[in-house]
Amino acid sequence: MTTIEEGPSREEVRRRVNTLYDRAESDSGTFNATRAMSTGSRRRGAQGGGRGDDLETVTRRLFDAARSSVGPTLPAVLPADRMPARPAPRPARTAEPLAPEQQR
């Protein structure tokens, strides 16, 4: 008779992965908007009473408010073909001697 060890359930794995992502986001101070969008729209089975739509509306509103206050997680960078033009070089300034009262 052989004993088969069962690993963790799908739900346990999902919870642990989500916990790791949440911890990484809080430790790094960044927010993974793609993950938030994918987990927010995922639905399993029918939801009773239409409450899910209200909850999704509130969640979407809070998510959009948080995203607008926090801003992007990566700095904005122009593509190489859209780099701003370099400013014109300034003419060299000649050194002017200090007045006797300014010398120390």
PDB file of N, CA and C in Angstrom:
ATOM      1  N   MET A   1       0.841  -1.170   0.000  1.00  0.00           N
ATOM      2  CA  MET A   1       0.000   0.000   0.000  1.00  0.00           C
ATOM      3  C   MET A   1       0.892   1.240   0.000  1.00  0.00           C
ATOM      4  N   THR A   2       0.687   2.126  -0.951  1.00  0.00           N
ATOM      5  CA  THR A   2       1.499   3.339  -1.035  1.00  0.00           C
ATOM      6  C   THR A   2       0.695   4.527  -0.549  1.00  0.00           C
ATOM      7  N   THR A   3       1.396   5.419   0.099  1.00  0.00           N
ATOM      8  CA  THR A   3       0.750   6.631   0.598  1.00  0.00           C
ATOM      9  C   THR A   3       1.137   7.793  -0.308  1.00  0.00           C
ATOM     10  N   ILE A   4       0.142   8.499  -0.781  1.00  0.00           N
ATOM     11  CA  ILE A   4       0.390   9.654  -1.650  1.00  0.00           C
ATOM     12  C   ILE A   4       0.247  10.915  -0.807  1.00  0.00           C
ATOM     13  N   GLU A   5       1.334  11.667  -0.738  1.00  0.00           N
ATOM     14  CA  GLU A   5       1.267  12.932  -0.005  1.00  0.00           C
ATOM     15  C   GLU A   5       0.676  13.993  -0.912  1.00  0.00           C
ATOM     16  N   GLU A   6      -0.342  14.633  -0.407  1.00  0.00           N
ATOM     17  CA  GLU A   6      -0.956  15.698  -1.187  1.00  0.00           C
ATOM     18  C   GLU A   6      -0.305  17.018  -0.832  1.00  0.00           C
ATOM     19  N   GLY A   7      -0.068  17.815  -1.840  1.00  0.00           N
ATOM     20  CA  GLY A   7       0.493  19.140  -1.614  1.00  0.00           C
ATOM     21  C   GLY A   7      -0.589  20.110  -1.180  1.00  0.00           C
ATOM     22  N   PRO A   8      -0.247  21.361  -1.060  1.00  0.00           N
ATOM     23  CA  PRO A   8      -1.246  22.362  -0.660  1.00  0.00           C
ATOM     24  C   PRO A   8      -2.317  22.516  -1.737  1.00  0.00           C
ATOM     25  N   SER A   9      -3.491  22.913  -1.309  1.00  0.00           N
ATOM     26  CA  SER A   9      -4.588  23.100  -2.259  1.00  0.00           C
ATOM     27  C   SER A   9      -4.334  24.341  -3.112  1.00  0.00           C
ATOM     28  N   ARG A  10      -5.076  24.447  -4.198  1.00  0.00           N
ATOM     29  CA  ARG A  10      -4.947  25.625  -5.070  1.00  0.00           C
ATOM     30  C   ARG A  10      -5.237  26.908  -4.301  1.00  0.00           C
ATOM     31  N   GLU A  11      -6.232  26.851  -3.437  1.00  0.00           N
ATOM     32  CA  GLU A  11      -6.615  28.034  -2.656  1.00  0.00           C
ATOM     33  C   GLU A  11      -5.480  28.455  -1.723  1.00  0.00           C
ATOM     34  N   GLU A  12      -4.834  27.490  -1.089  1.00  0.00           N
ATOM     35  CA  GLU A  12      -3.715  27.794  -0.188  1.00  0.00           C
ATOM     36  C   GLU A  12      -2.551  28.409  -0.969  1.00  0.00           C
ATOM     37  N   VAL A  13      -2.246  27.845  -2.126  1.00  0.00           N
ATOM     38  CA  VAL A  13      -1.171  28.391  -2.961  1.00  0.00           C
ATOM     39  C   VAL A  13      -1.512  29.811  -3.391  1.00  0.00           C
ATOM     40  N   ARG A  14      -2.762  30.043  -3.810  1.00  0.00           N
ATOM     41  CA  ARG A  14      -3.175  31.380  -4.244  1.00  0.00           C
ATOM     42  C   ARG A  14      -3.049  32.380  -3.100  1.00  0.00           C
ATOM     43  N   ARG A  15      -3.487  31.965  -1.898  1.00  0.00           N
ATOM     44  CA  ARG A  15      -3.391  32.869  -0.741  1.00  0.00           C
ATOM     45  C   ARG A  15      -1.941  33.193  -0.404  1.00  0.00           C
ATOM     46  N   ARG A  16      -1.073  32.199  -0.464  1.00  0.00           N
ATOM     47  CA  ARG A  16       0.339  32.432  -0.135  1.00  0.00           C
ATOM     48  C   ARG A  16       1.012  33.316  -1.172  1.00  0.00           C
ATOM     49  N   VAL A  17       0.698  33.105  -2.446  1.00  0.00           N
ATOM     50  CA  VAL A  17       1.264  33.954  -3.500  1.00  0.00           C
ATOM     51  C   VAL A  17       0.782  35.390  -3.332  1.00  0.00           C
ATOM     52  N   ASN A  18      -0.510  35.574  -3.071  1.00  0.00           N
ATOM     53  CA  ASN A  18      -1.038  36.925  -2.858  1.00  0.00           C
ATOM     54  C   ASN A  18      -0.394  37.587  -1.649  1.00  0.00           C
ATOM     55  N   THR A  19      -0.157  36.816  -0.592  1.00  0.00           N
ATOM     56  CA  THR A  19       0.502  37.365   0.592  1.00  0.00           C
ATOM     57  C   THR A  19       1.919  37.818   0.254  1.00  0.00           C
ATOM     58  N   LEU A  20       2.636  37.010  -0.525  1.00  0.00           N
ATOM     59  CA  LEU A  20       3.993  37.396  -0.928  1.00  0.00           C
ATOM     60  C   LEU A  20       3.983  38.660  -1.781  1.00  0.00           C
ATOM     61  N   TYR A  21       3.051  38.747  -2.730  1.00  0.00           N
ATOM     62  CA  TYR A  21       2.941  39.954  -3.549  1.00  0.00           C
ATOM     63  C   TYR A  21       2.617  41.170  -2.684  1.00  0.00           C
ATOM     64  N   ASP A  22       1.669  41.022  -1.759  1.00  0.00           N
ATOM     65  CA  ASP A  22       1.305  42.141  -0.889  1.00  0.00           C
ATOM     66  C   ASP A  22       2.495  42.591  -0.053  1.00  0.00           C
ATOM     67  N   ARG A  23       3.240  41.629   0.467  1.00  0.00           N
ATOM     68  CA  ARG A  23       4.408  41.975   1.276  1.00  0.00           C
ATOM     69  C   ARG A  23       5.477  42.666   0.438  1.00  0.00           C
ATOM     70  N   ALA A  24       5.706  42.186  -0.780  1.00  0.00           N
ATOM     71  CA  ALA A  24       6.692  42.813  -1.658  1.00  0.00           C
ATOM     72  C   ALA A  24       6.273  44.234  -2.010  1.00  0.00           C
ATOM     73  N   GLU A  25       4.979  44.441  -2.262  1.00  0.00           N
ATOM     74  CA  GLU A  25       4.497  45.786  -2.583  1.00  0.00           C
ATOM     75  C   GLU A  25       4.664  46.723  -1.400  1.00  0.00           C
ATOM     76  N   SER A  26       4.362  46.256  -0.198  1.00  0.00           N
ATOM     77  CA  SER A  26       4.485  47.140   0.964  1.00  0.00           C
ATOM     78  C   SER A  26       5.948  47.390   1.310  1.00  0.00           C
ATOM     79  N   ASP A  27       6.824  46.382   1.156  1.00  0.00           N
ATOM     80  CA  ASP A  27       8.243  46.572   1.456  1.00  0.00           C
ATOM     81  C   ASP A  27       8.927  47.487   0.453  1.00  0.00           C
ATOM     82  N   SER A  28       8.559  47.352  -0.820  1.00  0.00           N
ATOM     83  CA  SER A  28       9.216  48.157  -1.853  1.00  0.00           C
ATOM     84  C   SER A  28       8.563  49.513  -2.035  1.00  0.00           C
ATOM     85  N   GLY A  29       7.344  49.665  -1.563  1.00  0.00           N
ATOM     86  CA  GLY A  29       6.656  50.945  -1.729  1.00  0.00           C
ATOM     87  C   GLY A  29       6.077  51.130  -3.116  1.00  0.00           C
ATOM     88  N   THR A  30       6.067  50.079  -3.925  1.00  0.00           N
ATOM     89  CA  THR A  30       5.486  50.170  -5.266  1.00  0.00           C
ATOM     90  C   THR A  30       4.164  49.424  -5.291  1.00  0.00           C
ATOM     91  N   PHE A  31       3.406  49.674  -6.315  1.00  0.00           N
ATOM     92  CA  PHE A  31       2.083  49.079  -6.437  1.00  0.00           C
ATOM     93  C   PHE A  31       1.963  48.451  -7.808  1.00  0.00           C
ATOM     94  N   ASN A  32       1.598  47.189  -7.866  1.00  0.00           N
ATOM     95  CA  ASN A  32       1.469  46.470  -9.122  1.00  0.00           C
ATOM     96  C   ASN A  32       0.041  46.631  -9.634  1.00  0.00           C
ATOM     97  N   ALA A  33      -0.165  47.622 -10.492  1.00  0.00           N
ATOM     98  CA  ALA A  33      -1.506  47.913 -10.995  1.00  0.00           C
ATOM     99  C   ALA A  33      -2.039  46.779 -11.863  1.00  0.00           C
ATOM    100  N   THR A  34      -1.164  46.122 -12.599  1.00  0.00           N
ATOM    101  CA  THR A  34      -1.601  45.023 -13.459  1.00  0.00           C
ATOM    102  C   THR A  34      -2.181  43.894 -12.622  1.00  0.00           C
ATOM    103  N   ARG A  35      -1.531  43.560 -11.526  1.00  0.00           N
ATOM    104  CA  ARG A  35      -2.032  42.496 -10.661  1.00  0.00           C
ATOM    105  C   ARG A  35      -3.347  42.902 -10.016  1.00  0.00           C
ATOM    106  N   ALA A  36      -3.453  44.154  -9.594  1.00  0.00           N
ATOM    107  CA  ALA A  36      -4.688  44.623  -8.972  1.00  0.00           C
ATOM    108  C   ALA A  36      -5.848  44.567  -9.961  1.00  0.00           C
ATOM    109  N   MET A  37      -5.582  44.941 -11.207  1.00  0.00           N
ATOM    110  CA  MET A  37      -6.640  44.900 -12.213  1.00  0.00           C
ATOM    111  C   MET A  37      -7.036  43.458 -12.518  1.00  0.00           C
ATOM    112  N   SER A  38      -6.073  42.547 -12.576  1.00  0.00           N
ATOM    113  CA  SER A  38      -6.407  41.165 -12.920  1.00  0.00           C
ATOM    114  C   SER A  38      -7.142  40.472 -11.781  1.00  0.00           C
ATOM    115  N   THR A  39      -6.803  40.765 -10.545  1.00  0.00           N
ATOM    116  CA  THR A  39      -7.499  40.123  -9.432  1.00  0.00           C
ATOM    117  C   THR A  39      -8.849  40.759  -9.179  1.00  0.00           C
ATOM    118  N   GLY A  40      -9.009  42.026  -9.507  1.00  0.00           N
ATOM    119  CA  GLY A  40     -10.282  42.694  -9.273  1.00  0.00           C
ATOM    120  C   GLY A  40     -11.360  42.262 -10.238  1.00  0.00           C
ATOM    121  N   SER A  41     -10.994  41.892 -11.446  1.00  0.00           N
ATOM    122  CA  SER A  41     -12.001  41.539 -12.438  1.00  0.00           C
ATOM    123  C   SER A  41     -12.274  40.039 -12.488  1.00  0.00           C
ATOM    124  N   ARG A  42     -11.528  39.260 -11.757  1.00  0.00           N
ATOM    125  CA  ARG A  42     -11.707  37.814 -11.783  1.00  0.00           C
ATOM    126  C   ARG A  42     -12.917  37.434 -10.939  1.00  0.00           C
ATOM    127  N   ARG A  43     -13.838  36.707 -11.534  1.00  0.00           N
ATOM    128  CA  ARG A  43     -15.037  36.264 -10.818  1.00  0.00           C
ATOM    129  C   ARG A  43     -15.204  34.776 -11.028  1.00  0.00           C
ATOM    130  N   ARG A  44     -15.585  34.097  -9.967  1.00  0.00           N
ATOM    131  CA  ARG A  44     -15.868  32.665 -10.069  1.00  0.00           C
ATOM    132  C   ARG A  44     -17.298  32.431  -9.649  1.00  0.00           C
ATOM    133  N   GLY A  45     -18.064  31.788 -10.491  1.00  0.00           N
ATOM    134  CA  GLY A  45     -19.452  31.480 -10.164  1.00  0.00           C
ATOM    135  C   GLY A  45     -20.334  32.708 -10.234  1.00  0.00           C
ATOM    136  N   ALA A  46     -21.618  32.478 -10.006  1.00  0.00           N
ATOM    137  CA  ALA A  46     -22.581  33.578 -10.047  1.00  0.00           C
ATOM    138  C   ALA A  46     -22.591  34.295  -8.713  1.00  0.00           C
ATOM    139  N   GLN A  47     -22.752  35.594  -8.762  1.00  0.00           N
ATOM    140  CA  GLN A  47     -22.840  36.380  -7.541  1.00  0.00           C
ATOM    141  C   GLN A  47     -24.293  36.721  -7.301  1.00  0.00           C
ATOM    142  N   GLY A  48     -24.737  36.544  -6.090  1.00  0.00           N
ATOM    143  CA  GLY A  48     -26.145  36.752  -5.790  1.00  0.00           C
ATOM    144  C   GLY A  48     -26.467  38.190  -5.466  1.00  0.00           C
ATOM    145  N   GLY A  49     -27.668  38.621  -5.864  1.00  0.00           N
ATOM    146  CA  GLY A  49     -28.176  39.917  -5.460  1.00  0.00           C
ATOM    147  C   GLY A  49     -27.594  41.113  -6.171  1.00  0.00           C
ATOM    148  N   GLY A  50     -26.679  40.946  -7.096  1.00  0.00           N
ATOM    149  CA  GLY A  50     -26.105  42.100  -7.782  1.00  0.00           C
ATOM    150  C   GLY A  50     -25.168  42.924  -6.912  1.00  0.00           C
ATOM    151  N   ARG A  51     -24.828  42.418  -5.739  1.00  0.00           N
ATOM    152  CA  ARG A  51     -23.949  43.159  -4.844  1.00  0.00           C
ATOM    153  C   ARG A  51     -22.549  43.292  -5.404  1.00  0.00           C
ATOM    154  N   GLY A  52     -22.127  42.353  -6.223  1.00  0.00           N
ATOM    155  CA  GLY A  52     -20.788  42.372  -6.789  1.00  0.00           C
ATOM    156  C   GLY A  52     -20.543  43.598  -7.644  1.00  0.00           C
ATOM    157  N   ASP A  53     -21.560  44.039  -8.378  1.00  0.00           N
ATOM    158  CA  ASP A  53     -21.404  45.219  -9.219  1.00  0.00           C
ATOM    159  C   ASP A  53     -21.182  46.465  -8.377  1.00  0.00           C
ATOM    160  N   ASP A  54     -21.922  46.584  -7.271  1.00  0.00           N
ATOM    161  CA  ASP A  54     -21.731  47.727  -6.383  1.00  0.00           C
ATOM    162  C   ASP A  54     -20.338  47.705  -5.773  1.00  0.00           C
ATOM    163  N   LEU A  55     -19.915  46.538  -5.342  1.00  0.00           N
ATOM    164  CA  LEU A  55     -18.595  46.398  -4.748  1.00  0.00           C
ATOM    165  C   LEU A  55     -17.512  46.712  -5.767  1.00  0.00           C
ATOM    166  N   GLU A  56     -17.695  46.242  -6.995  1.00  0.00           N
ATOM    167  CA  GLU A  56     -16.708  46.511  -8.034  1.00  0.00           C
ATOM    168  C   GLU A  56     -16.643  48.001  -8.353  1.00  0.00           C
ATOM    169  N   THR A  57     -17.783  48.682  -8.349  1.00  0.00           N
ATOM    170  CA  THR A  57     -17.808  50.124  -8.606  1.00  0.00           C
ATOM    171  C   THR A  57     -17.047  50.876  -7.524  1.00  0.00           C
ATOM    172  N   VAL A  58     -17.286  50.519  -6.273  1.00  0.00           N
ATOM    173  CA  VAL A  58     -16.583  51.174  -5.164  1.00  0.00           C
ATOM    174  C   VAL A  58     -15.091  50.866  -5.227  1.00  0.00           C
ATOM    175  N   THR A  59     -14.764  49.607  -5.500  1.00  0.00           N
ATOM    176  CA  THR A  59     -13.362  49.216  -5.598  1.00  0.00           C
ATOM    177  C   THR A  59     -12.671  49.967  -6.720  1.00  0.00           C
ATOM    178  N   ARG A  60     -13.311  50.069  -7.872  1.00  0.00           N
ATOM    179  CA  ARG A  60     -12.733  50.783  -9.009  1.00  0.00           C
ATOM    180  C   ARG A  60     -12.487  52.244  -8.652  1.00  0.00           C
ATOM    181  N   ARG A  61     -13.457  52.873  -7.982  1.00  0.00           N
ATOM    182  CA  ARG A  61     -13.325  54.280  -7.600  1.00  0.00           C
ATOM    183  C   ARG A  61     -12.145  54.470  -6.632  1.00  0.00           C
ATOM    184  N   LEU A  62     -12.034  53.588  -5.629  1.00  0.00           N
ATOM    185  CA  LEU A  62     -10.931  53.687  -4.671  1.00  0.00           C
ATOM    186  C   LEU A  62      -9.588  53.416  -5.340  1.00  0.00           C
ATOM    187  N   PHE A  63      -9.550  52.433  -6.234  1.00  0.00           N
ATOM    188  CA  PHE A  63      -8.318  52.118  -6.949  1.00  0.00           C
ATOM    189  C   PHE A  63      -7.874  53.300  -7.800  1.00  0.00           C
ATOM    190  N   ASP A  64      -8.806  53.910  -8.541  1.00  0.00           N
ATOM    191  CA  ASP A  64      -8.463  55.059  -9.376  1.00  0.00           C
ATOM    192  C   ASP A  64      -7.980  56.233  -8.537  1.00  0.00           C
ATOM    193  N   ALA A  65      -8.603  56.458  -7.375  1.00  0.00           N
ATOM    194  CA  ALA A  65      -8.169  57.550  -6.496  1.00  0.00           C
ATOM    195  C   ALA A  65      -6.765  57.290  -5.960  1.00  0.00           C
ATOM    196  N   ALA A  66      -6.498  56.055  -5.554  1.00  0.00           N
ATOM    197  CA  ALA A  66      -5.165  55.718  -5.047  1.00  0.00           C
ATOM    198  C   ALA A  66      -4.123  55.834  -6.147  1.00  0.00           C
ATOM    199  N   ARG A  67      -4.453  55.377  -7.342  1.00  0.00           N
ATOM    200  CA  ARG A  67      -3.502  55.444  -8.448  1.00  0.00           C
ATOM    201  C   ARG A  67      -3.191  56.887  -8.813  1.00  0.00           C
ATOM    202  N   SER A  68      -4.198  57.769  -8.776  1.00  0.00           N
ATOM    203  CA  SER A  68      -3.946  59.165  -9.134  1.00  0.00           C
ATOM    204  C   SER A  68      -3.142  59.882  -8.056  1.00  0.00           C
ATOM    205  N   SER A  69      -3.288  59.486  -6.790  1.00  0.00           N
ATOM    206  CA  SER A  69      -2.527  60.158  -5.735  1.00  0.00           C
ATOM    207  C   SER A  69      -1.105  59.627  -5.633  1.00  0.00           C
ATOM    208  N   VAL A  70      -0.896  58.352  -5.927  1.00  0.00           N
ATOM    209  CA  VAL A  70       0.432  57.760  -5.816  1.00  0.00           C
ATOM    210  C   VAL A  70       1.246  58.013  -7.072  1.00  0.00           C
ATOM    211  N   GLY A  71       0.631  57.967  -8.218  1.00  0.00           N
ATOM    212  CA  GLY A  71       1.342  58.173  -9.470  1.00  0.00           C
ATOM    213  C   GLY A  71       1.912  56.864  -9.990  1.00  0.00           C
ATOM    214  N   PRO A  72       2.683  56.949 -11.047  1.00  0.00           N
ATOM    215  CA  PRO A  72       3.236  55.731 -11.644  1.00  0.00           C
ATOM    216  C   PRO A  72       4.307  55.119 -10.743  1.00  0.00           C
ATOM    217  N   THR A  73       4.521  53.828 -10.898  1.00  0.00           N
ATOM    218  CA  THR A  73       5.532  53.157 -10.093  1.00  0.00           C
ATOM    219  C   THR A  73       6.910  53.254 -10.725  1.00  0.00           C
ATOM    220  N   LEU A  74       6.983  53.614 -11.975  1.00  0.00           N
ATOM    221  CA  LEU A  74       8.260  53.773 -12.657  1.00  0.00           C
ATOM    222  C   LEU A  74       8.398  55.201 -13.150  1.00  0.00           C
ATOM    223  N   PRO A  75       9.617  55.740 -13.142  1.00  0.00           N
ATOM    224  CA  PRO A  75       9.784  57.093 -13.659  1.00  0.00           C
ATOM    225  C   PRO A  75       9.521  57.135 -15.161  1.00  0.00           C
ATOM    226  N   ALA A  76       8.954  58.226 -15.608  1.00  0.00           N
ATOM    227  CA  ALA A  76       8.670  58.389 -17.035  1.00  0.00           C
ATOM    228  C   ALA A  76       9.969  58.696 -17.774  1.00  0.00           C
ATOM    229  N   VAL A  77      10.164  58.046 -18.901  1.00  0.00           N
ATOM    230  CA  VAL A  77      11.370  58.238 -19.702  1.00  0.00           C
ATOM    231  C   VAL A  77      10.944  58.401 -21.150  1.00  0.00           C
ATOM    232  N   LEU A  78      11.492  59.409 -21.815  1.00  0.00           N
ATOM    233  CA  LEU A  78      11.201  59.596 -23.233  1.00  0.00           C
ATOM    234  C   LEU A  78      11.939  58.550 -24.054  1.00  0.00           C
ATOM    235  N   PRO A  79      11.357  58.097 -25.156  1.00  0.00           N
ATOM    236  CA  PRO A  79      12.083  57.191 -26.047  1.00  0.00           C
ATOM    237  C   PRO A  79      13.288  57.906 -26.652  1.00  0.00           C
ATOM    238  N   ALA A  80      14.246  57.131 -27.124  1.00  0.00           N
ATOM    239  CA  ALA A  80      15.488  57.702 -27.653  1.00  0.00           C
ATOM    240  C   ALA A  80      15.234  58.644 -28.823  1.00  0.00           C
ATOM    241  N   ASP A  81      14.212  58.361 -29.636  1.00  0.00           N
ATOM    242  CA  ASP A  81      13.957  59.221 -30.787  1.00  0.00           C
ATOM    243  C   ASP A  81      13.184  60.480 -30.413  1.00  0.00           C
ATOM    244  N   ARG A  82      12.794  60.639 -29.154  1.00  0.00           N
ATOM    245  CA  ARG A  82      12.049  61.826 -28.737  1.00  0.00           C
ATOM    246  C   ARG A  82      12.771  62.603 -27.645  1.00  0.00           C
ATOM    247  N   MET A  83      14.081  62.479 -27.590  1.00  0.00           N
ATOM    248  CA  MET A  83      14.838  63.188 -26.565  1.00  0.00           C
ATOM    249  C   MET A  83      14.775  64.690 -26.846  1.00  0.00           C
ATOM    250  N   PRO A  84      14.703  65.509 -25.798  1.00  0.00           N
ATOM    251  CA  PRO A  84      14.660  66.955 -26.018  1.00  0.00           C
ATOM    252  C   PRO A  84      15.983  67.458 -26.589  1.00  0.00           C
ATOM    253  N   ALA A  85      15.888  68.547 -27.348  1.00  0.00           N
ATOM    254  CA  ALA A  85      17.095  69.131 -27.937  1.00  0.00           C
ATOM    255  C   ALA A  85      17.960  69.711 -26.821  1.00  0.00           C
ATOM    256  N   ARG A  86      19.255  69.628 -27.013  1.00  0.00           N
ATOM    257  CA  ARG A  86      20.167  70.188 -26.015  1.00  0.00           C
ATOM    258  C   ARG A  86      20.105  71.705 -26.082  1.00  0.00           C
ATOM    259  N   PRO A  87      20.216  72.361 -24.943  1.00  0.00           N
ATOM    260  CA  PRO A  87      20.200  73.825 -24.968  1.00  0.00           C
ATOM    261  C   PRO A  87      21.459  74.366 -25.650  1.00  0.00           C
ATOM    262  N   ALA A  88      21.327  75.552 -26.197  1.00  0.00           N
ATOM    263  CA  ALA A  88      22.471  76.176 -26.869  1.00  0.00           C
ATOM    264  C   ALA A  88      23.567  76.432 -25.842  1.00  0.00           C
ATOM    265  N   PRO A  89      24.831  76.240 -26.234  1.00  0.00           N
ATOM    266  CA  PRO A  89      25.917  76.468 -25.277  1.00  0.00           C
ATOM    267  C   PRO A  89      25.985  77.945 -24.881  1.00  0.00           C
ATOM    268  N   ARG A  90      26.270  78.174 -23.627  1.00  0.00           N
ATOM    269  CA  ARG A  90      26.392  79.543 -23.137  1.00  0.00           C
ATOM    270  C   ARG A  90      27.772  80.084 -23.491  1.00  0.00           C
ATOM    271  N   PRO A  91      27.847  81.365 -23.771  1.00  0.00           N
ATOM    272  CA  PRO A  91      29.174  81.938 -24.039  1.00  0.00           C
ATOM    273  C   PRO A  91      29.996  81.960 -22.747  1.00  0.00           C
ATOM    274  N   ALA A  92      31.284  81.780 -22.906  1.00  0.00           N
ATOM    275  CA  ALA A  92      32.170  81.782 -21.742  1.00  0.00           C
ATOM    276  C   ALA A  92      32.218  83.178 -21.139  1.00  0.00           C
ATOM    277  N   ARG A  93      32.193  83.238 -19.822  1.00  0.00           N
ATOM    278  CA  ARG A  93      32.260  84.536 -19.141  1.00  0.00           C
ATOM    279  C   ARG A  93      33.697  84.793 -18.725  1.00  0.00           C
ATOM    280  N   THR A  94      34.131  86.002 -18.915  1.00  0.00           N
ATOM    281  CA  THR A  94      35.486  86.352 -18.492  1.00  0.00           C
ATOM    282  C   THR A  94      35.476  86.616 -16.997  1.00  0.00           C
ATOM    283  N   ALA A  95      36.562  86.266 -16.374  1.00  0.00           N
ATOM    284  CA  ALA A  95      36.669  86.495 -14.936  1.00  0.00           C
ATOM    285  C   ALA A  95      36.895  87.974 -14.689  1.00  0.00           C
ATOM    286  N   GLU A  96      36.081  88.532 -13.838  1.00  0.00           N
ATOM    287  CA  GLU A  96      36.229  89.943 -13.489  1.00  0.00           C
ATOM    288  C   GLU A  96      36.922  90.026 -12.136  1.00  0.00           C
ATOM    289  N   PRO A  97      37.912  90.898 -12.017  1.00  0.00           N
ATOM    290  CA  PRO A  97      38.591  91.013 -10.720  1.00  0.00           C
ATOM    291  C   PRO A  97      37.634  91.584  -9.675  1.00  0.00           C
ATOM    292  N   LEU A  98      37.793  91.121  -8.451  1.00  0.00           N
ATOM    293  CA  LEU A  98      36.970  91.616  -7.362  1.00  0.00           C
ATOM    294  C   LEU A  98      37.408  93.021  -6.977  1.00  0.00           C
ATOM    295  N   ALA A  99      36.471  93.806  -6.559  1.00  0.00           N
ATOM    296  CA  ALA A  99      36.791  95.148  -6.066  1.00  0.00           C
ATOM    297  C   ALA A  99      37.567  94.999  -4.761  1.00  0.00           C
ATOM    298  N   PRO A 100      38.421  95.965  -4.415  1.00  0.00           N
ATOM    299  CA  PRO A 100      39.258  95.844  -3.211  1.00  0.00           C
ATOM    300  C   PRO A 100      38.443  95.591  -1.943  1.00  0.00           C
ATOM    301  N   GLU A 101      37.222  96.150  -1.821  1.00  0.00           N
ATOM    302  CA  GLU A 101      36.440  95.933  -0.605  1.00  0.00           C
ATOM    303  C   GLU A 101      35.853  94.525  -0.540  1.00  0.00           C
ATOM    304  N   GLN A 102      35.799  93.822  -1.670  1.00  0.00           N
ATOM    305  CA  GLN A 102      35.239  92.472  -1.682  1.00  0.00           C
ATOM    306  C   GLN A 102      36.314  91.408  -1.458  1.00  0.00           C
ATOM    307  N   GLN A 103      37.591  91.766  -1.600  1.00  0.00           N
ATOM    308  CA  GLN A 103      38.667  90.795  -1.414  1.00  0.00           C
ATOM    309  C   GLN A 103      38.881  90.553   0.071  1.00  0.00           C
ATOM    310  N   ARG A 104      39.236  89.369   0.430  1.00  0.00           N
ATOM    311  CA  ARG A 104      39.466  89.052   1.845  1.00  0.00           C
ATOM    312  C   ARG A 104      40.789  88.421   2.043  1.00  0.00           C
TER     313      ARG A 104
END
